Amino acid sequence: MRKSYFYMTIFFAVIISVLFLSFGLFPFGEKSFLTSDMRSQYVDFLSFFKNSLPATYSFELGMGGDIITFFAYYLCSPVNLLVFLFENMAHAAMLIFAVKLYLCALFCAFYFNHSKICPLSGKNILIALLSVAYAFCGFNMVYSMNIIWLDSVYLFPLLILSVEKSIFDGKRYLIYVTAAAVIFNFYTGIMSVYFSLLYIVALYTAYRENVKERFLFTAESYFLGISLSAFLLMPSFIGLAKSKMEDNNKIALILGKFGISVIDFFHIFMYVWIAALVCVILIKLIYSAVKSDKKQKLLKDISSILSLVFIICLALVNVYFLISGFMPENLSELVHVFPFVFDENAP
C-alpha cells in the first residue's frame, strides 16, 4: 500500500515538473497561467484573503453586501492558507493549483487502496498510474484557471469511499466528508453530494441487500454532514437571496402574498433545520439510555426517517435547479421558480 503512494508521488512530481519547466512556470521560471478568471478575479481575491480579510470584523463588503457568501464560494478552501507563504499572489496561485492536483492523486490512490468495489490494493503501479491520470484529467486542466472548483475534485474519491464505507461497514465517515465538501466550496460541493446519491443508486443494482440495510443510516449521515456545514451554508444562501433575487421572481411573488420576504423564508428554513437537528440529537441521546431492543430500533428508525425527509426537502429544489438547464425550451421558464435564478440565466 505504501509503495503505491510512493510511486504515485514520483509519477506526479515528474509530470508536473515537466509541465512547469516546459512553460517556464513558477518555481522554474517567472511565468504563471494568469488567464481568464485567474487573472481577473482569483489573484486579487487571494490578495484580499491574505491582507484584508483578517481585518474585516464587520463581515461587510460594502454596498449592502456581506462577505460570508463571497468567502464561502471563493476563499474557504484550507489550501488557500498557502498564500501566507508568498508575497507574489501569482506564485501562490501556482502552488495552490499544484497542491490541489497532488491531493487529487493522493486521495484517488487512497480510494483504490481501501475500496471494496475497486479492490486494487497491492497493484501499486496500476494505482499510481490511475491516480495520476485522475489528477491530470481534462476537467482539472481545462479549469486550471478556476482553482476554487478543484477542492471538490480532490475530495470526490473520499466522498465515494465514505459512501461505500457507510453502505458496507456502517461507518460514519460520510458525515465529515460531506461537511468538508460543502464547506470548502458549497457550489461544486453540493453537486458532488448529488452525484454521490446517484452512486448509491448504482450500488443498489449490484448490492441491493447492503443498500437496503443501511439506506436510512446513510441518509442520516448525509443530514448530519450537511448540518455540520450549515454554519456557512445557510448564511451563504441568505446572502445569495439578497444579491440574486428579483422582485418578479415566482417564489418571491408567492411568498409576498403571505407577507413573507425571501430572506424571512430562509431564516424560517434555518430554524426548522436547527429544530430537526435538535430532534435527531435528542433521539440519539434517548436511544443510548433505553435498554429495550424494540424501543431502540423504533428510535433509530424515527431519527433516520426524519433525516431522510429533511434531506429530500432540501434536495428537491436544488435538483430541480440542476436539471432545469436540460429542459425543452418551452419549459425553460419553469426554472425561474428557483429563488437564485434571475434574468434569463439558466444553469
Protein backbone atom coordinates (compact mmCIF):
# COMPACT_ATOMS: atom_id res chain seq x y z
CA MET A 1 0.00 0.00 0.00
CA ARG A 2 2.75 2.44 0.90
CA LYS A 3 4.53 1.68 -2.36
CA SER A 4 1.51 2.85 -4.34
CA TYR A 5 1.69 6.27 -2.67
CA PHE A 6 5.44 6.44 -3.28
CA TYR A 7 5.09 5.57 -6.97
CA MET A 8 2.18 7.97 -7.34
CA THR A 9 4.22 10.81 -5.80
CA ILE A 10 7.18 10.12 -8.10
CA PHE A 11 4.99 9.98 -11.23
CA PHE A 12 3.17 13.14 -10.19
CA ALA A 13 6.37 15.05 -9.41
CA VAL A 14 7.90 14.12 -12.77
CA ILE A 15 4.82 15.09 -14.80
CA ILE A 16 4.14 18.41 -13.08
CA SER A 17 7.84 19.32 -13.14
CA VAL A 18 7.99 18.68 -16.89
CA LEU A 19 4.84 20.78 -17.36
CA PHE A 20 6.11 23.70 -15.32
CA LEU A 21 9.60 23.52 -16.86
CA SER A 22 8.24 23.39 -20.41
CA PHE A 23 6.29 26.61 -19.94
CA GLY A 24 8.73 28.35 -17.60
CA LEU A 25 6.19 28.45 -14.79
CA PHE A 26 7.00 29.23 -11.15
CA PRO A 27 9.15 27.90 -9.44
CA PHE A 28 11.10 27.06 -12.65
CA GLY A 29 10.52 30.49 -14.15
CA GLU A 30 8.65 33.72 -13.66
CA LYS A 31 5.61 32.88 -15.79
CA SER A 32 2.21 31.93 -14.42
CA PHE A 33 -1.07 30.89 -16.01
CA LEU A 34 -2.95 34.10 -15.29
CA THR A 35 -5.74 33.53 -17.79
CA SER A 36 -9.45 34.20 -17.65
CA ASP A 37 -10.85 34.17 -14.08
CA MET A 38 -7.41 33.56 -12.58
CA ARG A 39 -6.18 36.90 -13.93
CA SER A 40 -9.37 38.92 -13.49
CA GLN A 41 -10.52 37.56 -10.12
CA TYR A 42 -8.65 34.95 -8.13
CA VAL A 43 -5.27 36.62 -7.74
CA ASP A 44 -6.99 39.70 -6.32
CA PHE A 45 -9.20 37.54 -4.10
CA LEU A 46 -6.18 35.68 -2.73
CA SER A 47 -4.51 39.01 -2.00
CA PHE A 48 -7.67 40.12 -0.20
CA PHE A 49 -7.68 36.84 1.74
CA LYS A 50 -4.13 37.47 2.93
CA ASN A 51 -4.14 41.22 3.53
CA SER A 52 -7.70 42.38 4.18
CA LEU A 53 -9.92 39.53 5.35
CA PRO A 54 -8.34 39.19 8.82
CA ALA A 55 -9.25 42.84 9.49
CA THR A 56 -12.82 42.62 8.14
CA TYR A 57 -14.51 42.37 11.52
CA SER A 58 -17.90 43.56 10.27
CA PHE A 59 -18.18 40.83 7.60
CA GLU A 60 -19.40 43.56 5.22
CA LEU A 61 -18.10 44.03 1.69
CA GLY A 62 -19.87 47.34 1.32
CA MET A 63 -22.83 48.49 -0.79
CA GLY A 64 -25.11 46.38 1.40
CA GLY A 65 -23.42 43.06 0.67
CA ASP A 66 -21.94 40.69 3.20
CA ILE A 67 -18.62 38.93 2.96
CA ILE A 68 -19.81 35.48 4.05
CA THR A 69 -21.13 34.28 0.68
CA PHE A 70 -18.06 35.68 -1.07
CA PHE A 71 -15.77 33.90 1.40
CA ALA A 72 -17.72 30.61 1.18
CA TYR A 73 -17.56 30.50 -2.60
CA TYR A 74 -14.05 31.77 -3.32
CA LEU A 75 -11.84 31.53 -0.27
CA CYS A 76 -12.92 28.81 2.14
CA SER A 77 -10.53 26.12 0.94
CA PRO A 78 -7.90 25.32 3.59
CA VAL A 79 -5.31 25.10 0.80
CA ASN A 80 -5.65 28.88 0.42
CA LEU A 81 -3.69 29.26 3.64
CA LEU A 82 -0.59 28.81 1.46
CA VAL A 83 -0.95 32.47 0.44
CA PHE A 84 0.65 33.46 3.72
CA LEU A 85 3.93 31.98 2.46
CA PHE A 86 4.10 34.32 -0.54
CA GLU A 87 4.26 37.98 -1.41
CA ASN A 88 3.51 37.29 -5.07
CA MET A 89 -0.08 36.04 -5.33
CA ALA A 90 0.50 34.68 -8.84
CA HIS A 91 3.14 32.36 -7.38
CA ALA A 92 0.79 31.42 -4.54
CA ALA A 93 -1.90 30.52 -7.07
CA MET A 94 0.54 28.23 -8.90
CA LEU A 95 1.40 26.39 -5.70
CA ILE A 96 -2.28 26.12 -4.70
CA PHE A 97 -3.03 24.61 -8.12
CA ALA A 98 -0.17 22.09 -7.79
CA VAL A 99 -1.14 21.10 -4.25
CA LYS A 100 -4.77 20.55 -5.23
CA LEU A 101 -3.67 18.36 -8.14
CA TYR A 102 -1.48 16.33 -5.80
CA LEU A 103 -4.38 15.90 -3.37
CA CYS A 104 -6.47 14.60 -6.29
CA ALA A 105 -3.86 11.91 -6.94
CA LEU A 106 -3.33 11.16 -3.24
CA PHE A 107 -7.00 10.70 -2.37
CA CYS A 108 -7.64 8.74 -5.55
CA ALA A 109 -4.84 6.34 -4.55
CA PHE A 110 -6.37 6.17 -1.07
CA TYR A 111 -9.71 5.21 -2.64
CA PHE A 112 -8.21 2.38 -4.70
CA ASN A 113 -6.32 1.07 -1.66
CA HIS A 114 -9.46 0.88 0.51
CA SER A 115 -12.40 0.36 -1.84
CA LYS A 116 -14.39 -2.87 -1.88
CA ILE A 117 -15.85 -2.04 -5.27
CA CYS A 118 -12.47 -1.50 -6.96
CA PRO A 119 -10.14 -3.72 -4.91
CA LEU A 120 -6.75 -2.78 -6.37
CA SER A 121 -4.78 -2.91 -3.12
CA GLY A 122 -1.39 -4.42 -3.86
CA LYS A 123 -1.38 -3.36 -7.53
CA ASN A 124 0.89 -0.46 -6.76
CA ILE A 125 1.90 0.65 -10.26
CA LEU A 126 -1.68 0.48 -11.54
CA ILE A 127 -2.96 2.51 -8.58
CA ALA A 128 -0.23 5.11 -9.12
CA LEU A 129 -0.98 5.43 -12.85
CA LEU A 130 -4.76 5.69 -12.37
CA SER A 131 -4.38 8.22 -9.56
CA VAL A 132 -2.03 10.46 -11.55
CA ALA A 133 -4.37 10.18 -14.55
CA TYR A 134 -7.21 11.38 -12.32
CA ALA A 135 -5.11 14.33 -11.12
CA PHE A 136 -4.32 15.41 -14.69
CA CYS A 137 -7.78 14.72 -16.09
CA GLY A 138 -9.31 17.04 -18.68
CA PHE A 139 -11.51 18.84 -16.17
CA ASN A 140 -8.55 19.85 -13.99
CA MET A 141 -6.54 21.04 -16.98
CA VAL A 142 -9.36 22.97 -18.66
CA TYR A 143 -10.42 24.57 -15.38
CA SER A 144 -6.92 25.27 -14.12
CA MET A 145 -7.91 28.93 -14.03
CA ASN A 146 -10.83 28.04 -11.72
CA ILE A 147 -8.82 26.67 -8.84
CA ILE A 148 -11.78 27.18 -6.47
CA TRP A 149 -13.55 24.20 -8.04
CA LEU A 150 -10.67 21.75 -7.59
CA ASP A 151 -11.44 21.17 -3.91
CA SER A 152 -14.46 19.11 -4.91
CA VAL A 153 -12.33 17.11 -7.35
CA TYR A 154 -9.78 16.03 -4.74
CA LEU A 155 -12.48 15.34 -2.13
CA PHE A 156 -14.58 13.31 -4.56
CA PRO A 157 -12.72 9.96 -4.15
CA LEU A 158 -13.09 10.33 -0.37
CA LEU A 159 -16.80 11.09 -0.77
CA ILE A 160 -17.37 7.98 -2.88
CA LEU A 161 -15.28 5.87 -0.49
CA SER A 162 -17.23 7.18 2.50
CA VAL A 163 -20.48 6.15 0.76
CA GLU A 164 -19.07 2.64 0.37
CA LYS A 165 -17.95 2.56 4.00
CA SER A 166 -21.43 3.65 5.09
CA ILE A 167 -23.22 1.03 2.97
CA PHE A 168 -20.90 -1.91 3.61
CA ASP A 169 -19.36 -1.25 7.02
CA GLY A 170 -21.76 1.11 8.79
CA LYS A 171 -19.03 3.72 9.26
CA ARG A 172 -19.82 7.42 9.78
CA TYR A 173 -17.05 8.91 7.62
CA LEU A 174 -19.72 10.25 5.27
CA ILE A 175 -20.70 12.88 7.85
CA TYR A 176 -17.30 14.52 7.84
CA VAL A 177 -16.51 14.22 4.13
CA THR A 178 -19.93 15.62 3.18
CA ALA A 179 -19.39 18.54 5.55
CA ALA A 180 -15.93 19.21 4.13
CA ALA A 181 -17.18 19.07 0.52
CA VAL A 182 -19.89 21.66 1.18
CA ILE A 183 -17.73 23.89 3.37
CA PHE A 184 -14.72 24.02 1.03
CA ASN A 185 -16.92 25.16 -1.89
CA PHE A 186 -20.69 24.88 -1.50
CA TYR A 187 -21.36 25.32 -5.22
CA THR A 188 -19.44 22.31 -6.54
CA GLY A 189 -19.67 20.56 -3.17
CA ILE A 190 -23.45 20.30 -3.42
CA MET A 191 -23.09 18.89 -6.93
CA SER A 192 -20.63 16.27 -5.65
CA VAL A 193 -23.06 15.26 -2.91
CA TYR A 194 -25.82 14.83 -5.50
CA PHE A 195 -23.56 12.64 -7.61
CA SER A 196 -22.75 10.51 -4.57
CA LEU A 197 -26.51 9.94 -4.20
CA LEU A 198 -26.53 8.61 -7.76
CA TYR A 199 -23.68 6.32 -6.74
CA ILE A 200 -25.94 4.81 -4.09
CA VAL A 201 -28.50 4.10 -6.83
CA ALA A 202 -25.74 2.39 -8.83
CA LEU A 203 -24.69 0.33 -5.81
CA TYR A 204 -28.31 -0.73 -5.35
CA THR A 205 -28.27 -2.54 -8.70
CA ALA A 206 -25.47 -4.85 -7.54
CA TYR A 207 -25.60 -4.79 -3.73
CA ARG A 208 -29.31 -4.49 -3.07
CA GLU A 209 -29.35 -6.02 0.41
CA ASN A 210 -26.48 -3.88 1.67
CA VAL A 211 -28.10 -0.68 0.41
CA LYS A 212 -31.50 -1.63 1.87
CA GLU A 213 -29.98 -2.43 5.25
CA ARG A 214 -28.04 0.83 5.56
CA PHE A 215 -30.11 3.24 3.46
CA LEU A 216 -31.61 5.16 6.38
CA PHE A 217 -28.28 5.07 8.20
CA THR A 218 -26.63 6.66 5.15
CA ALA A 219 -29.41 9.28 4.82
CA GLU A 220 -28.88 10.25 8.44
CA SER A 221 -25.14 10.62 7.80
CA TYR A 222 -25.85 12.97 4.90
CA PHE A 223 -28.19 15.02 7.10
CA LEU A 224 -25.65 15.31 9.91
CA GLY A 225 -22.86 16.14 7.44
CA ILE A 226 -24.80 18.91 5.74
CA SER A 227 -25.87 20.15 9.17
CA LEU A 228 -22.19 20.45 10.13
CA SER A 229 -21.76 22.74 7.15
CA ALA A 230 -24.89 24.79 7.93
CA PHE A 231 -22.97 27.44 9.87
CA LEU A 232 -21.59 28.54 6.48
CA LEU A 233 -24.17 27.15 4.06
CA MET A 234 -27.25 28.91 5.43
CA PRO A 235 -25.67 32.39 5.66
CA SER A 236 -24.43 31.81 2.10
CA PHE A 237 -27.95 31.01 0.90
CA ILE A 238 -29.30 34.08 2.67
CA GLY A 239 -26.55 36.20 1.11
CA LEU A 240 -27.35 34.80 -2.34
CA ALA A 241 -31.01 35.57 -1.81
CA LYS A 242 -30.10 39.19 -1.06
CA SER A 243 -27.95 39.64 -4.15
CA LYS A 244 -29.60 37.37 -6.73
CA MET A 245 -33.30 37.94 -6.17
CA GLU A 246 -35.58 39.94 -8.41
CA ASP A 247 -38.89 41.47 -7.43
CA ASN A 248 -40.70 39.43 -10.08
CA ASN A 249 -39.22 36.09 -9.06
CA LYS A 250 -42.01 33.50 -8.80
CA ILE A 251 -41.14 32.39 -5.28
CA ALA A 252 -40.78 36.00 -4.13
CA LEU A 253 -44.25 36.78 -5.53
CA ILE A 254 -45.82 33.73 -3.88
CA LEU A 255 -44.21 34.44 -0.51
CA GLY A 256 -45.18 38.10 -0.81
CA LYS A 257 -48.86 37.15 -0.85
CA PHE A 258 -48.37 35.74 2.64
CA GLY A 259 -46.37 38.74 3.79
CA ILE A 260 -43.11 36.77 3.88
CA SER A 261 -39.92 38.02 2.25
CA VAL A 262 -37.45 35.60 0.69
CA ILE A 263 -34.92 36.46 3.38
CA ASP A 264 -37.51 35.65 6.06
CA PHE A 265 -38.21 32.36 4.27
CA PHE A 266 -34.59 31.30 4.52
CA HIS A 267 -34.43 32.33 8.16
CA ILE A 268 -37.53 30.20 8.85
CA PHE A 269 -35.95 27.34 6.92
CA MET A 270 -32.82 27.69 9.05
CA TYR A 271 -34.85 27.49 12.27
CA VAL A 272 -36.66 24.38 11.00
CA TRP A 273 -33.29 22.88 10.11
CA ILE A 274 -32.00 23.54 13.62
CA ALA A 275 -35.17 22.05 15.12
CA ALA A 276 -34.82 18.91 13.01
CA LEU A 277 -31.18 18.58 14.04
CA VAL A 278 -32.03 19.00 17.73
CA CYS A 279 -34.71 16.31 17.40
CA VAL A 280 -32.22 13.89 15.85
CA ILE A 281 -29.66 14.58 18.59
CA LEU A 282 -32.26 14.16 21.35
CA ILE A 283 -33.45 10.88 19.85
CA LYS A 284 -29.82 9.70 19.79
CA LEU A 285 -29.41 10.58 23.47
CA ILE A 286 -32.64 8.78 24.42
CA TYR A 287 -31.56 5.81 22.28
CA SER A 288 -28.36 5.44 24.30
CA ALA A 289 -30.36 5.43 27.56
CA VAL A 290 -33.04 2.92 26.52
CA LYS A 291 -32.38 -0.76 27.23
CA SER A 292 -35.18 -2.33 25.18
CA ASP A 293 -34.10 -3.52 21.71
CA LYS A 294 -37.53 -2.80 20.20
CA LYS A 295 -37.56 0.76 21.54
CA GLN A 296 -34.01 1.28 20.35
CA LYS A 297 -34.96 0.13 16.86
CA LEU A 298 -38.01 2.42 16.85
CA LEU A 299 -35.96 5.44 17.93
CA LYS A 300 -33.28 4.63 15.39
CA ASP A 301 -35.86 4.42 12.59
CA ILE A 302 -37.53 7.70 13.64
CA SER A 303 -34.19 9.53 13.65
CA SER A 304 -33.20 8.14 10.25
CA ILE A 305 -36.61 8.82 8.65
CA LEU A 306 -36.60 12.39 9.99
CA SER A 307 -33.18 12.90 8.45
CA LEU A 308 -34.29 11.37 5.16
CA VAL A 309 -37.40 13.56 4.91
CA PHE A 310 -35.41 16.71 5.58
CA ILE A 311 -32.70 15.78 3.07
CA ILE A 312 -35.37 15.12 0.42
CA CYS A 313 -36.99 18.51 1.07
CA LEU A 314 -33.60 20.22 0.90
CA ALA A 315 -32.66 18.43 -2.31
CA LEU A 316 -35.87 18.79 -4.33
CA VAL A 317 -35.50 22.47 -5.17
CA ASN A 318 -31.78 22.13 -5.81
CA VAL A 319 -32.21 19.08 -8.04
CA TYR A 320 -34.87 20.95 -9.98
CA PHE A 321 -32.42 23.82 -10.39
CA LEU A 322 -29.70 21.49 -11.70
CA ILE A 323 -31.85 19.67 -14.25
CA SER A 324 -33.73 22.74 -15.44
CA GLY A 325 -30.95 23.64 -17.85
CA PHE A 326 -31.72 20.48 -19.84
CA MET A 327 -35.45 21.15 -20.17
CA PRO A 328 -37.01 21.77 -23.59
CA GLU A 329 -37.19 25.44 -24.49
CA ASN A 330 -40.94 25.69 -23.89
CA LEU A 331 -40.39 24.54 -20.30
CA SER A 332 -37.30 26.60 -19.56
CA GLU A 333 -39.33 29.38 -17.92
CA LEU A 334 -40.08 26.99 -15.06
CA VAL A 335 -36.50 27.44 -13.87
CA HIS A 336 -37.42 30.88 -12.57
CA VAL A 337 -39.33 29.44 -9.63
CA PHE A 338 -35.90 28.83 -8.14
CA PRO A 339 -35.00 31.82 -5.98
CA PHE A 340 -31.38 32.26 -7.12
CA VAL A 341 -32.08 32.30 -10.86
CA PHE A 342 -32.65 35.73 -12.30
CA ASP A 343 -32.97 37.35 -15.74
CA GLU A 344 -32.57 34.63 -18.37
CA ASN A 345 -29.72 32.76 -16.70
CA ALA A 346 -30.18 29.01 -16.55
CA PRO A 347 -27.58 26.58 -15.25
